[in-house]
C-alpha cells in the first residue's frame, strides 16, 4: 500500500512539473487569440523606425473563422487570415494581410512566446540576431 501511495505521489509530482511548459501550443493560441480586439502595447522592430505610439487607434481582431481584421479608429483598414502551425516549441502564428504600408510588417510567421487572456508576446520567426518583438494587450 505504501509503495502504491509513493508511486502515485511521485507520478503526481512528475506530471505537475513536466506539464507546465514555458512555451505555447497551437490549441492554446487558437483558443486565446480570438475574442476581444488586441492593441499594440510595445513594438521593437530591428530594421524599422516604427514605435508603439504609431499604432494608437489601431485594433487587431482574430476571428473564429481565421479572419484577421485591422481597424483604425473603428474604420476597416485591412483584412487577412491567421492560422497556427503544428509547432509546439513554441507555437507559430501565421499572419497574412494584403499590402498595406502601415501594417505590412505584420504579414509574417511569428513565434508565440507568451499568451494569456489579455496579453500576447510575439517574436518574428527568423534567424536574425536582433529579434522583432510585438506585445499586444486587450
C-alpha atoms as a PDB file:
ATOM      1  CA  UNK A   1       0.000   0.000   0.000  1.00  0.00           C
ATOM      2  CA  UNK A   2       2.842   2.395   0.893  1.00  0.00           C
ATOM      3  CA  UNK A   3       4.620   1.644  -2.371  1.00  0.00           C
ATOM      4  CA  UNK A   4       1.424   2.391  -4.311  1.00  0.00           C
ATOM      5  CA  UNK A   5       0.918   5.697  -2.428  1.00  0.00           C
ATOM      6  CA  UNK A   6       4.549   6.683  -3.037  1.00  0.00           C
ATOM      7  CA  UNK A   7       4.275   5.807  -6.741  1.00  0.00           C
ATOM      8  CA  UNK A   8       1.046   7.808  -7.066  1.00  0.00           C
ATOM      9  CA  UNK A   9       2.625  10.786  -5.291  1.00  0.00           C
ATOM     10  CA  UNK A  10       5.766  10.586  -7.465  1.00  0.00           C
ATOM     11  CA  UNK A  11       3.627  10.453 -10.609  1.00  0.00           C
ATOM     12  CA  UNK A  12       1.618  13.466  -9.453  1.00  0.00           C
ATOM     13  CA  UNK A  13       4.775  15.486  -8.763  1.00  0.00           C
ATOM     14  CA  UNK A  14       6.326  14.437 -12.077  1.00  0.00           C
ATOM     15  CA  UNK A  15       3.263  15.398 -14.142  1.00  0.00           C
ATOM     16  CA  UNK A  16       2.865  18.674 -12.271  1.00  0.00           C
ATOM     17  CA  UNK A  17       6.373  19.822 -13.113  1.00  0.00           C
ATOM     18  CA  UNK A  18       6.538  18.446 -16.649  1.00  0.00           C
ATOM     19  CA  UNK A  19       3.056  19.549 -17.697  1.00  0.00           C
ATOM     20  CA  UNK A  20       3.961  23.190 -17.205  1.00  0.00           C
ATOM     21  CA  UNK A  21       5.677  24.456 -20.290  1.00  0.00           C
ATOM     22  CA  UNK A  22       7.090  27.903 -20.851  1.00  0.00           C
ATOM     23  CA  UNK A  23       6.090  27.577 -24.495  1.00  0.00           C
ATOM     24  CA  UNK A  24       2.688  27.846 -26.075  1.00  0.00           C
ATOM     25  CA  UNK A  25       0.694  25.299 -28.059  1.00  0.00           C
ATOM     26  CA  UNK A  26      -1.352  25.831 -31.236  1.00  0.00           C
ATOM     27  CA  UNK A  27      -4.538  24.834 -29.421  1.00  0.00           C
ATOM     28  CA  UNK A  28      -3.923  27.347 -26.623  1.00  0.00           C
ATOM     29  CA  UNK A  29      -3.145  30.105 -29.128  1.00  0.00           C
ATOM     30  CA  UNK A  30      -6.266  29.359 -31.191  1.00  0.00           C
ATOM     31  CA  UNK A  31      -8.399  29.446 -28.055  1.00  0.00           C
ATOM     32  CA  UNK A  32      -6.967  32.616 -26.501  1.00  0.00           C
ATOM     33  CA  UNK A  33      -6.323  34.790 -29.547  1.00  0.00           C
ATOM     34  CA  UNK A  34      -9.981  35.068 -30.591  1.00  0.00           C
ATOM     35  CA  UNK A  35     -12.437  37.339 -28.842  1.00  0.00           C
ATOM     36  CA  UNK A  36     -11.996  40.990 -27.990  1.00  0.00           C
ATOM     37  CA  UNK A  37      -9.687  43.124 -30.127  1.00  0.00           C
ATOM     38  CA  UNK A  38      -5.989  43.490 -29.349  1.00  0.00           C
ATOM     39  CA  UNK A  39      -3.907  46.687 -29.317  1.00  0.00           C
ATOM     40  CA  UNK A  40      -0.133  47.027 -29.599  1.00  0.00           C
ATOM     41  CA  UNK A  41       1.416  47.612 -26.187  1.00  0.00           C
ATOM     42  CA  UNK A  42       5.036  47.657 -27.315  1.00  0.00           C
ATOM     43  CA  UNK A  43       6.905  47.157 -30.537  1.00  0.00           C
ATOM     44  CA  UNK A  44      10.558  46.508 -31.279  1.00  0.00           C
ATOM     45  CA  UNK A  45      11.447  46.030 -34.937  1.00  0.00           C
ATOM     46  CA  UNK A  46      15.142  45.748 -35.735  1.00  0.00           C
ATOM     47  CA  UNK A  47      15.040  47.231 -39.241  1.00  0.00           C
ATOM     48  CA  UNK A  48      12.282  49.785 -38.836  1.00  0.00           C
ATOM     49  CA  UNK A  49      11.608  53.066 -37.107  1.00  0.00           C
ATOM     50  CA  UNK A  50       8.045  52.218 -36.086  1.00  0.00           C
ATOM     51  CA  UNK A  51       7.166  52.571 -32.411  1.00  0.00           C
ATOM     52  CA  UNK A  52       4.077  51.559 -30.445  1.00  0.00           C
ATOM     53  CA  UNK A  53       2.724  55.129 -30.420  1.00  0.00           C
ATOM     54  CA  UNK A  54       2.434  54.908 -34.221  1.00  0.00           C
ATOM     55  CA  UNK A  55      -0.400  52.429 -33.625  1.00  0.00           C
ATOM     56  CA  UNK A  56      -2.630  54.364 -31.247  1.00  0.00           C
ATOM     57  CA  UNK A  57      -6.176  53.866 -32.541  1.00  0.00           C
ATOM     58  CA  UNK A  58      -5.370  50.553 -34.282  1.00  0.00           C
ATOM     59  CA  UNK A  59      -7.202  47.382 -33.233  1.00  0.00           C
ATOM     60  CA  UNK A  60      -6.361  43.840 -34.307  1.00  0.00           C
ATOM     61  CA  UNK A  61      -9.065  41.164 -34.263  1.00  0.00           C
ATOM     62  CA  UNK A  62      -8.674  37.412 -34.659  1.00  0.00           C
ATOM     63  CA  UNK A  63     -11.950  35.729 -35.634  1.00  0.00           C
ATOM     64  CA  UNK A  64     -13.054  32.104 -35.132  1.00  0.00           C
ATOM     65  CA  UNK A  65     -13.148  31.605 -38.910  1.00  0.00           C
ATOM     66  CA  UNK A  66      -9.445  32.588 -39.138  1.00  0.00           C
ATOM     67  CA  UNK A  67     -10.164  36.084 -40.421  1.00  0.00           C
ATOM     68  CA  UNK A  68      -7.678  38.683 -39.189  1.00  0.00           C
ATOM     69  CA  UNK A  69      -9.005  42.242 -39.234  1.00  0.00           C
ATOM     70  CA  UNK A  70      -7.262  45.538 -38.610  1.00  0.00           C
ATOM     71  CA  UNK A  71      -9.218  48.692 -37.863  1.00  0.00           C
ATOM     72  CA  UNK A  72      -8.090  52.259 -37.332  1.00  0.00           C
ATOM     73  CA  UNK A  73     -10.388  54.461 -35.259  1.00  0.00           C
ATOM     74  CA  UNK A  74     -13.101  51.798 -35.796  1.00  0.00           C
ATOM     75  CA  UNK A  75     -12.778  52.048 -39.612  1.00  0.00           C
ATOM     76  CA  UNK A  76     -11.693  48.896 -41.523  1.00  0.00           C
ATOM     77  CA  UNK A  77      -8.085  49.171 -42.669  1.00  0.00           C
ATOM     78  CA  UNK A  78      -7.162  45.637 -43.747  1.00  0.00           C
ATOM     79  CA  UNK A  79      -8.441  42.084 -43.633  1.00  0.00           C
ATOM     80  CA  UNK A  80      -6.479  38.890 -43.996  1.00  0.00           C
ATOM     81  CA  UNK A  81      -6.121  35.443 -42.491  1.00  0.00           C
ATOM     82  CA  UNK A  82      -4.436  33.928 -39.446  1.00  0.00           C
ATOM     83  CA  UNK A  83      -3.549  30.338 -38.657  1.00  0.00           C
ATOM     84  CA  UNK A  84      -1.286  28.290 -36.429  1.00  0.00           C
ATOM     85  CA  UNK A  85       1.269  25.669 -37.338  1.00  0.00           C
ATOM     86  CA  UNK A  86       1.611  22.330 -35.583  1.00  0.00           C
ATOM     87  CA  UNK A  87       4.785  23.515 -33.838  1.00  0.00           C
ATOM     88  CA  UNK A  88       4.653  23.482 -30.050  1.00  0.00           C
ATOM     89  CA  UNK A  89       8.061  24.732 -29.069  1.00  0.00           C
ATOM     90  CA  UNK A  90       6.763  27.493 -29.323  1.00  0.00           C
ATOM     91  CA  UNK A  91       3.556  27.728 -31.348  1.00  0.00           C
ATOM     92  CA  UNK A  92       3.800  29.588 -34.648  1.00  0.00           C
ATOM     93  CA  UNK A  93       1.177  32.149 -35.633  1.00  0.00           C
ATOM     94  CA  UNK A  94       0.884  32.919 -39.353  1.00  0.00           C
ATOM     95  CA  UNK A  95      -0.486  36.352 -40.259  1.00  0.00           C
ATOM     96  CA  UNK A  96      -1.367  37.080 -43.881  1.00  0.00           C
ATOM     97  CA  UNK A  97      -2.512  40.573 -44.805  1.00  0.00           C
ATOM     98  CA  UNK A  98      -2.732  42.419 -48.114  1.00  0.00           C
ATOM     99  CA  UNK A  99      -0.069  45.033 -48.709  1.00  0.00           C
ATOM    100  CA  UNK A 100      -0.899  47.992 -46.504  1.00  0.00           C
ATOM    101  CA  UNK A 101       2.116  50.216 -45.767  1.00  0.00           C
ATOM    102  CA  UNK A 102       1.172  50.955 -42.158  1.00  0.00           C
ATOM    103  CA  UNK A 103       0.949  47.297 -41.150  1.00  0.00           C
ATOM    104  CA  UNK A 104       2.753  45.212 -43.773  1.00  0.00           C
ATOM    105  CA  UNK A 105       5.400  44.246 -41.187  1.00  0.00           C
ATOM    106  CA  UNK A 106       2.755  42.027 -39.535  1.00  0.00           C
ATOM    107  CA  UNK A 107       2.430  39.663 -42.508  1.00  0.00           C
ATOM    108  CA  UNK A 108       4.863  37.001 -41.417  1.00  0.00           C
ATOM    109  CA  UNK A 109       5.372  33.941 -39.234  1.00  0.00           C
ATOM    110  CA  UNK A 110       5.508  34.783 -35.519  1.00  0.00           C
ATOM    111  CA  UNK A 111       6.563  32.664 -32.553  1.00  0.00           C
ATOM    112  CA  UNK A 112       4.007  32.985 -29.781  1.00  0.00           C
ATOM    113  CA  UNK A 113       6.328  33.367 -26.809  1.00  0.00           C
ATOM    114  CA  UNK A 114       3.543  34.070 -24.334  1.00  0.00           C
ATOM    115  CA  UNK A 115      -0.230  34.304 -24.479  1.00  0.00           C
ATOM    116  CA  UNK A 116      -2.787  34.959 -21.791  1.00  0.00           C
ATOM    117  CA  UNK A 117      -6.368  36.169 -21.835  1.00  0.00           C
ATOM    118  CA  UNK A 118      -5.246  39.803 -22.102  1.00  0.00           C
ATOM    119  CA  UNK A 119      -1.572  39.670 -23.156  1.00  0.00           C
ATOM    120  CA  UNK A 120       0.324  38.222 -26.117  1.00  0.00           C
ATOM    121  CA  UNK A 121       4.047  38.408 -26.938  1.00  0.00           C
ATOM    122  CA  UNK A 122       5.161  37.583 -30.474  1.00  0.00           C
ATOM    123  CA  UNK A 123       8.672  37.205 -31.839  1.00  0.00           C
ATOM    124  CA  UNK A 124       9.354  37.104 -35.571  1.00  0.00           C
ATOM    125  CA  UNK A 125      10.179  33.541 -36.656  1.00  0.00           C
ATOM    126  CA  UNK A 126      13.561  34.120 -38.271  1.00  0.00           C
ATOM    127  CA  UNK A 127      17.251  33.711 -37.553  1.00  0.00           C
ATOM    128  CA  UNK A 128      18.060  37.390 -37.067  1.00  0.00           C
ATOM    129  CA  UNK A 129      20.402  38.307 -34.234  1.00  0.00           C
ATOM    130  CA  UNK A 130      18.138  41.124 -33.095  1.00  0.00           C
ATOM    131  CA  UNK A 131      14.579  39.863 -32.748  1.00  0.00           C
ATOM    132  CA  UNK A 132      11.462  41.735 -33.830  1.00  0.00           C
ATOM    133  CA  UNK A 133       9.027  41.647 -30.906  1.00  0.00           C
ATOM    134  CA  UNK A 134       5.429  42.788 -30.620  1.00  0.00           C
ATOM    135  CA  UNK A 135       3.423  42.793 -27.421  1.00  0.00           C
ATOM    136  CA  UNK A 136      -0.358  43.050 -27.578  1.00  0.00           C
ATOM    137  CA  UNK A 137      -2.888  43.711 -24.818  1.00  0.00           C
ATOM    138  CA  UNK A 138      -6.654  43.798 -24.639  1.00  0.00           C
END
